[in-house]
Amino acid sequence: LLGAQNAEELAAIYTGFLAVAHSTLPTIAAVNGAAVGAGMNLALACDMILAGESAKFDSRFHQIAIHSGGGHTWRLRNKTDEQTAKAMVIFGERLSGQQAADAGLAWKCVSDDELLGTAIEYATTAAAAPKALVAKTKETFSKLDTIGVSQESVDLETTPQFWAMQQPEFKEFVANLKATIAAKKG
């Protein structure tokens, strides 16, 4: 950060966080220690945050006399709510792993010993889905902020849902389901 000579150079530093946030692959942050400032940004860029009991989430930007960066306020507010985001960014509130889960910053808090295994379980589940389907679903999630009414959400999901129904994985699932039902009848 200190090497940046202008705002454009500073913005370039955050391209790594954006690469994580815009990845078509599912991303998980397994936090079992301090996620502070830009380190917290990396966790915020992930699709899911899992917290170990020893996790600490700390914006800390104001405490070092710098404005938050890298989309920190937007991502934090979107994961939690405006009050939690302001408490953390403006008032220096730090959250434990359990507090982060309670506030919606983390999906759940588990013991530190279970953290990696839990992350691997979620990653395994996500990896079992067709890669193109995950990419389309993440694309849909990225457009949700533009939705104003319920009908728009139906419209947003109809095309990718129809696309998924034409894919071999779905057709195979339906064929297997029909075979299972037929076997139970017979």
C-alpha atoms as a PDB file:
ATOM      1  CA  LEU A   1       0.000   0.000   0.000  1.00  0.00           C
ATOM      2  CA  LEU A   2       2.709   2.457   0.952  1.00  0.00           C
ATOM      3  CA  GLY A   3       4.438   2.112  -2.416  1.00  0.00           C
ATOM      4  CA  ALA A   4       1.444   3.421  -4.359  1.00  0.00           C
ATOM      5  CA  GLN A   5       2.118   6.801  -5.981  1.00  0.00           C
ATOM      6  CA  ASN A   6      -1.514   7.483  -6.926  1.00  0.00           C
ATOM      7  CA  ALA A   7      -5.039   6.105  -6.572  1.00  0.00           C
ATOM      8  CA  GLU A   8      -4.710   3.968  -9.723  1.00  0.00           C
ATOM      9  CA  GLU A   9      -1.622   2.204  -8.357  1.00  0.00           C
ATOM     10  CA  LEU A  10      -3.404   1.692  -5.053  1.00  0.00           C
ATOM     11  CA  ALA A  11      -6.420   0.194  -6.842  1.00  0.00           C
ATOM     12  CA  ALA A  12      -4.117  -2.206  -8.705  1.00  0.00           C
ATOM     13  CA  ILE A  13      -3.041  -3.686  -5.384  1.00  0.00           C
ATOM     14  CA  TYR A  14      -6.572  -4.928  -4.834  1.00  0.00           C
ATOM     15  CA  THR A  15      -6.788  -6.919  -8.074  1.00  0.00           C
ATOM     16  CA  GLY A  16      -5.962 -10.087  -6.150  1.00  0.00           C
ATOM     17  CA  PHE A  17      -9.021  -9.679  -3.940  1.00  0.00           C
ATOM     18  CA  LEU A  18     -11.149  -9.032  -7.003  1.00  0.00           C
ATOM     19  CA  ALA A  19      -9.774 -12.172  -8.662  1.00  0.00           C
ATOM     20  CA  VAL A  20     -10.954 -14.197  -5.671  1.00  0.00           C
ATOM     21  CA  ALA A  21     -14.317 -12.412  -5.531  1.00  0.00           C
ATOM     22  CA  HIS A  22     -14.943 -12.859  -9.260  1.00  0.00           C
ATOM     23  CA  SER A  23     -13.651 -16.416  -9.507  1.00  0.00           C
ATOM     24  CA  THR A  24     -16.042 -18.812 -11.197  1.00  0.00           C
ATOM     25  CA  LEU A  25     -14.907 -21.446  -8.696  1.00  0.00           C
ATOM     26  CA  PRO A  26     -16.393 -21.682  -5.197  1.00  0.00           C
ATOM     27  CA  THR A  27     -14.107 -20.030  -2.626  1.00  0.00           C
ATOM     28  CA  ILE A  28     -13.929 -20.643   1.122  1.00  0.00           C
ATOM     29  CA  ALA A  29     -12.026 -18.695   3.768  1.00  0.00           C
ATOM     30  CA  ALA A  30     -11.191 -20.855   6.783  1.00  0.00           C
ATOM     31  CA  VAL A  31     -10.116 -18.333   9.427  1.00  0.00           C
ATOM     32  CA  ASN A  32      -8.388 -19.601  12.557  1.00  0.00           C
ATOM     33  CA  GLY A  33      -6.546 -16.532  13.745  1.00  0.00           C
ATOM     34  CA  ALA A  34      -6.562 -12.838  13.051  1.00  0.00           C
ATOM     35  CA  ALA A  35      -8.122 -11.535   9.836  1.00  0.00           C
ATOM     36  CA  VAL A  36      -7.135  -7.875  10.023  1.00  0.00           C
ATOM     37  CA  GLY A  37      -7.597  -5.062   7.495  1.00  0.00           C
ATOM     38  CA  ALA A  38      -6.537  -6.267   4.069  1.00  0.00           C
ATOM     39  CA  GLY A  39      -6.368  -9.816   5.444  1.00  0.00           C
ATOM     40  CA  MET A  40     -10.027  -9.494   6.317  1.00  0.00           C
ATOM     41  CA  ASN A  41     -10.627  -8.283   2.743  1.00  0.00           C
ATOM     42  CA  LEU A  42      -9.344 -11.601   1.433  1.00  0.00           C
ATOM     43  CA  ALA A  43     -11.825 -13.477   3.625  1.00  0.00           C
ATOM     44  CA  LEU A  44     -14.624 -11.086   2.604  1.00  0.00           C
ATOM     45  CA  ALA A  45     -13.881 -11.797  -1.063  1.00  0.00           C
ATOM     46  CA  CYS A  46     -14.683 -15.493  -0.576  1.00  0.00           C
ATOM     47  CA  ASP A  47     -18.089 -17.075  -1.155  1.00  0.00           C
ATOM     48  CA  MET A  48     -18.120 -18.597   2.322  1.00  0.00           C
ATOM     49  CA  ILE A  49     -16.299 -17.738   5.520  1.00  0.00           C
ATOM     50  CA  LEU A  50     -15.818 -20.416   8.138  1.00  0.00           C
ATOM     51  CA  ALA A  51     -14.460 -19.287  11.492  1.00  0.00           C
ATOM     52  CA  GLY A  52     -12.493 -21.254  14.010  1.00  0.00           C
ATOM     53  CA  GLU A  53     -13.039 -20.486  17.673  1.00  0.00           C
ATOM     54  CA  SER A  54      -9.722 -18.595  17.727  1.00  0.00           C
ATOM     55  CA  ALA A  55     -10.685 -16.372  14.775  1.00  0.00           C
ATOM     56  CA  LYS A  56     -10.659 -12.614  15.218  1.00  0.00           C
ATOM     57  CA  PHE A  57     -12.122 -10.268  12.609  1.00  0.00           C
ATOM     58  CA  ASP A  58     -10.784  -6.720  12.823  1.00  0.00           C
ATOM     59  CA  SER A  59     -11.207  -4.004  10.188  1.00  0.00           C
ATOM     60  CA  ARG A  60      -8.608  -1.813  11.910  1.00  0.00           C
ATOM     61  CA  PHE A  61      -8.342   0.742   9.099  1.00  0.00           C
ATOM     62  CA  HIS A  62      -9.402   3.718  11.250  1.00  0.00           C
ATOM     63  CA  GLN A  63      -7.182   2.608  14.104  1.00  0.00           C
ATOM     64  CA  ILE A  64      -4.162   3.087  11.814  1.00  0.00           C
ATOM     65  CA  ALA A  65      -5.536   6.369  10.425  1.00  0.00           C
ATOM     66  CA  ILE A  66      -6.370   5.090   6.937  1.00  0.00           C
ATOM     67  CA  HIS A  67      -9.643   4.833   5.044  1.00  0.00           C
ATOM     68  CA  SER A  68     -10.783   1.297   4.338  1.00  0.00           C
ATOM     69  CA  GLY A  69      -9.958   0.013   0.872  1.00  0.00           C
ATOM     70  CA  GLY A  70     -10.410  -2.868  -1.493  1.00  0.00           C
ATOM     71  CA  GLY A  71     -14.196  -2.804  -1.270  1.00  0.00           C
ATOM     72  CA  HIS A  72     -14.015  -3.551   2.465  1.00  0.00           C
ATOM     73  CA  THR A  73     -17.068  -1.549   3.552  1.00  0.00           C
ATOM     74  CA  TRP A  74     -19.264  -2.833   0.718  1.00  0.00           C
ATOM     75  CA  ARG A  75     -18.313  -6.480   1.199  1.00  0.00           C
ATOM     76  CA  LEU A  76     -18.613  -6.273   4.976  1.00  0.00           C
ATOM     77  CA  ARG A  77     -22.027  -4.602   4.788  1.00  0.00           C
ATOM     78  CA  ASN A  78     -23.203  -7.207   2.263  1.00  0.00           C
ATOM     79  CA  LYS A  79     -22.081 -10.098   4.474  1.00  0.00           C
ATOM     80  CA  THR A  80     -23.528  -8.595   7.654  1.00  0.00           C
ATOM     81  CA  ASP A  81     -25.588  -5.414   7.892  1.00  0.00           C
ATOM     82  CA  GLU A  82     -24.891  -1.699   7.952  1.00  0.00           C
ATOM     83  CA  GLN A  83     -24.795  -1.428  11.743  1.00  0.00           C
ATOM     84  CA  THR A  84     -22.289  -4.267  12.136  1.00  0.00           C
ATOM     85  CA  ALA A  85     -20.155  -2.876   9.319  1.00  0.00           C
ATOM     86  CA  LYS A  86     -20.094   0.593  10.887  1.00  0.00           C
ATOM     87  CA  ALA A  87     -19.386  -0.822  14.344  1.00  0.00           C
ATOM     88  CA  MET A  88     -16.371  -2.650  12.956  1.00  0.00           C
ATOM     89  CA  VAL A  89     -15.027  -0.015  10.556  1.00  0.00           C
ATOM     90  CA  ILE A  90     -15.805   3.264  12.320  1.00  0.00           C
ATOM     91  CA  PHE A  91     -15.914   2.199  15.960  1.00  0.00           C
ATOM     92  CA  GLY A  92     -13.199  -0.481  15.887  1.00  0.00           C
ATOM     93  CA  GLU A  93     -15.385  -3.369  17.038  1.00  0.00           C
ATOM     94  CA  ARG A  94     -13.601  -6.706  16.739  1.00  0.00           C
ATOM     95  CA  LEU A  95     -15.501  -9.953  16.391  1.00  0.00           C
ATOM     96  CA  SER A  96     -14.565 -13.389  17.651  1.00  0.00           C
ATOM     97  CA  GLY A  97     -15.289 -16.398  15.479  1.00  0.00           C
ATOM     98  CA  GLN A  98     -18.593 -17.020  17.251  1.00  0.00           C
ATOM     99  CA  GLN A  99     -19.577 -13.348  17.112  1.00  0.00           C
ATOM    100  CA  ALA A 100     -18.762 -13.325  13.387  1.00  0.00           C
ATOM    101  CA  ALA A 101     -21.058 -16.306  12.852  1.00  0.00           C
ATOM    102  CA  ASP A 102     -23.794 -14.698  14.951  1.00  0.00           C
ATOM    103  CA  ALA A 103     -23.509 -11.481  12.883  1.00  0.00           C
ATOM    104  CA  GLY A 104     -23.567 -13.325   9.551  1.00  0.00           C
ATOM    105  CA  LEU A 105     -19.953 -12.478   8.730  1.00  0.00           C
ATOM    106  CA  ALA A 106     -19.064 -16.178   8.942  1.00  0.00           C
ATOM    107  CA  TRP A 107     -21.340 -19.038   7.924  1.00  0.00           C
ATOM    108  CA  LYS A 108     -20.487 -20.890  11.110  1.00  0.00           C
ATOM    109  CA  CYS A 109     -17.949 -21.122  13.884  1.00  0.00           C
ATOM    110  CA  VAL A 110     -16.385 -24.491  14.626  1.00  0.00           C
ATOM    111  CA  SER A 111     -13.565 -25.631  16.859  1.00  0.00           C
ATOM    112  CA  ASP A 112     -10.123 -24.892  15.479  1.00  0.00           C
ATOM    113  CA  ASP A 113      -9.501 -28.642  15.239  1.00  0.00           C
ATOM    114  CA  GLU A 114     -12.575 -29.069  13.011  1.00  0.00           C
ATOM    115  CA  LEU A 115     -12.020 -25.989  10.828  1.00  0.00           C
ATOM    116  CA  LEU A 116      -9.954 -27.467   8.008  1.00  0.00           C
ATOM    117  CA  GLY A 117     -12.060 -30.632   7.839  1.00  0.00           C
ATOM    118  CA  THR A 118     -15.243 -28.572   7.726  1.00  0.00           C
ATOM    119  CA  ALA A 119     -13.830 -26.410   4.932  1.00  0.00           C
ATOM    120  CA  ILE A 120     -12.823 -29.524   2.986  1.00  0.00           C
ATOM    121  CA  GLU A 121     -16.329 -30.995   3.388  1.00  0.00           C
ATOM    122  CA  TYR A 122     -17.916 -27.845   1.958  1.00  0.00           C
ATOM    123  CA  ALA A 123     -15.326 -27.667  -0.823  1.00  0.00           C
ATOM    124  CA  THR A 124     -15.932 -31.317  -1.711  1.00  0.00           C
ATOM    125  CA  THR A 125     -19.683 -30.721  -1.921  1.00  0.00           C
ATOM    126  CA  ALA A 126     -19.227 -27.650  -4.114  1.00  0.00           C
ATOM    127  CA  ALA A 127     -16.660 -29.398  -6.314  1.00  0.00           C
ATOM    128  CA  ALA A 128     -19.112 -32.235  -6.992  1.00  0.00           C
ATOM    129  CA  ALA A 129     -21.429 -29.852  -8.853  1.00  0.00           C
ATOM    130  CA  PRO A 130     -20.800 -29.248 -12.557  1.00  0.00           C
ATOM    131  CA  LYS A 131     -18.246 -26.443 -12.928  1.00  0.00           C
ATOM    132  CA  ALA A 132     -20.305 -24.534 -15.510  1.00  0.00           C
ATOM    133  CA  LEU A 133     -23.370 -24.725 -13.258  1.00  0.00           C
ATOM    134  CA  VAL A 134     -21.429 -23.254 -10.334  1.00  0.00           C
ATOM    135  CA  ALA A 135     -20.122 -20.463 -12.581  1.00  0.00           C
ATOM    136  CA  LYS A 136     -23.638 -19.608 -13.794  1.00  0.00           C
ATOM    137  CA  THR A 137     -24.986 -19.669 -10.238  1.00  0.00           C
ATOM    138  CA  LYS A 138     -22.229 -17.343  -9.042  1.00  0.00           C
ATOM    139  CA  GLU A 139     -23.015 -15.046 -11.980  1.00  0.00           C
ATOM    140  CA  THR A 140     -26.657 -14.983 -10.871  1.00  0.00           C
ATOM    141  CA  PHE A 141     -25.633 -14.113  -7.315  1.00  0.00           C
ATOM    142  CA  SER A 142     -23.537 -11.227  -8.654  1.00  0.00           C
ATOM    143  CA  LYS A 143     -26.651  -9.719 -10.252  1.00  0.00           C
ATOM    144  CA  LEU A 144     -28.947  -9.939  -7.219  1.00  0.00           C
ATOM    145  CA  ASP A 145     -28.265  -6.355  -6.112  1.00  0.00           C
ATOM    146  CA  THR A 146     -29.971  -5.168  -9.300  1.00  0.00           C
ATOM    147  CA  ILE A 147     -33.232  -6.964  -8.436  1.00  0.00           C
ATOM    148  CA  GLY A 148     -36.039  -4.704  -7.262  1.00  0.00           C
ATOM    149  CA  VAL A 149     -39.096  -6.965  -7.390  1.00  0.00           C
ATOM    150  CA  SER A 150     -39.845 -10.667  -7.174  1.00  0.00           C
ATOM    151  CA  GLN A 151     -40.631 -11.081 -10.883  1.00  0.00           C
ATOM    152  CA  GLU A 152     -37.134  -9.841 -11.761  1.00  0.00           C
ATOM    153  CA  SER A 153     -35.657 -12.653  -9.662  1.00  0.00           C
ATOM    154  CA  VAL A 154     -37.730 -15.204 -11.576  1.00  0.00           C
ATOM    155  CA  ASP A 155     -36.601 -13.656 -14.872  1.00  0.00           C
ATOM    156  CA  LEU A 156     -32.956 -13.670 -13.765  1.00  0.00           C
ATOM    157  CA  GLU A 157     -33.025 -17.369 -12.894  1.00  0.00           C
ATOM    158  CA  THR A 158     -35.172 -18.738 -15.740  1.00  0.00           C
ATOM    159  CA  THR A 159     -32.549 -18.744 -18.502  1.00  0.00           C
ATOM    160  CA  PRO A 160     -29.740 -20.377 -16.488  1.00  0.00           C
ATOM    161  CA  GLN A 161     -32.195 -22.878 -15.007  1.00  0.00           C
ATOM    162  CA  PHE A 162     -33.395 -23.879 -18.474  1.00  0.00           C
ATOM    163  CA  TRP A 163     -29.749 -24.121 -19.603  1.00  0.00           C
ATOM    164  CA  ALA A 164     -29.005 -26.451 -16.649  1.00  0.00           C
ATOM    165  CA  MET A 165     -31.954 -28.653 -17.566  1.00  0.00           C
ATOM    166  CA  GLN A 166     -30.382 -29.233 -20.996  1.00  0.00           C
ATOM    167  CA  GLN A 167     -27.037 -30.355 -19.556  1.00  0.00           C
ATOM    168  CA  PRO A 168     -26.033 -34.032 -19.465  1.00  0.00           C
ATOM    169  CA  GLU A 169     -25.600 -34.031 -15.677  1.00  0.00           C
ATOM    170  CA  PHE A 170     -29.232 -33.059 -15.113  1.00  0.00           C
ATOM    171  CA  LYS A 171     -30.509 -35.481 -17.750  1.00  0.00           C
ATOM    172  CA  GLU A 172     -28.504 -38.270 -16.125  1.00  0.00           C
ATOM    173  CA  PHE A 173     -29.925 -37.349 -12.703  1.00  0.00           C
ATOM    174  CA  VAL A 174     -33.499 -37.477 -14.043  1.00  0.00           C
ATOM    175  CA  ALA A 175     -32.881 -40.817 -15.770  1.00  0.00           C
ATOM    176  CA  ASN A 176     -31.445 -42.297 -12.558  1.00  0.00           C
ATOM    177  CA  LEU A 177     -34.366 -40.938 -10.542  1.00  0.00           C
ATOM    178  CA  LYS A 178     -36.864 -42.477 -12.973  1.00  0.00           C
ATOM    179  CA  ALA A 179     -35.033 -45.804 -12.776  1.00  0.00           C
ATOM    180  CA  THR A 180     -35.076 -45.715  -8.972  1.00  0.00           C
ATOM    181  CA  ILE A 181     -38.806 -44.956  -8.905  1.00  0.00           C
ATOM    182  CA  ALA A 182     -39.519 -47.694 -11.459  1.00  0.00           C
ATOM    183  CA  ALA A 183     -37.494 -50.200  -9.420  1.00  0.00           C
ATOM    184  CA  LYS A 184     -39.502 -49.381  -6.284  1.00  0.00           C
ATOM    185  CA  LYS A 185     -42.786 -49.878  -8.157  1.00  0.00           C
ATOM    186  CA  GLY A 186     -41.649 -53.176  -9.601  1.00  0.00           C
END
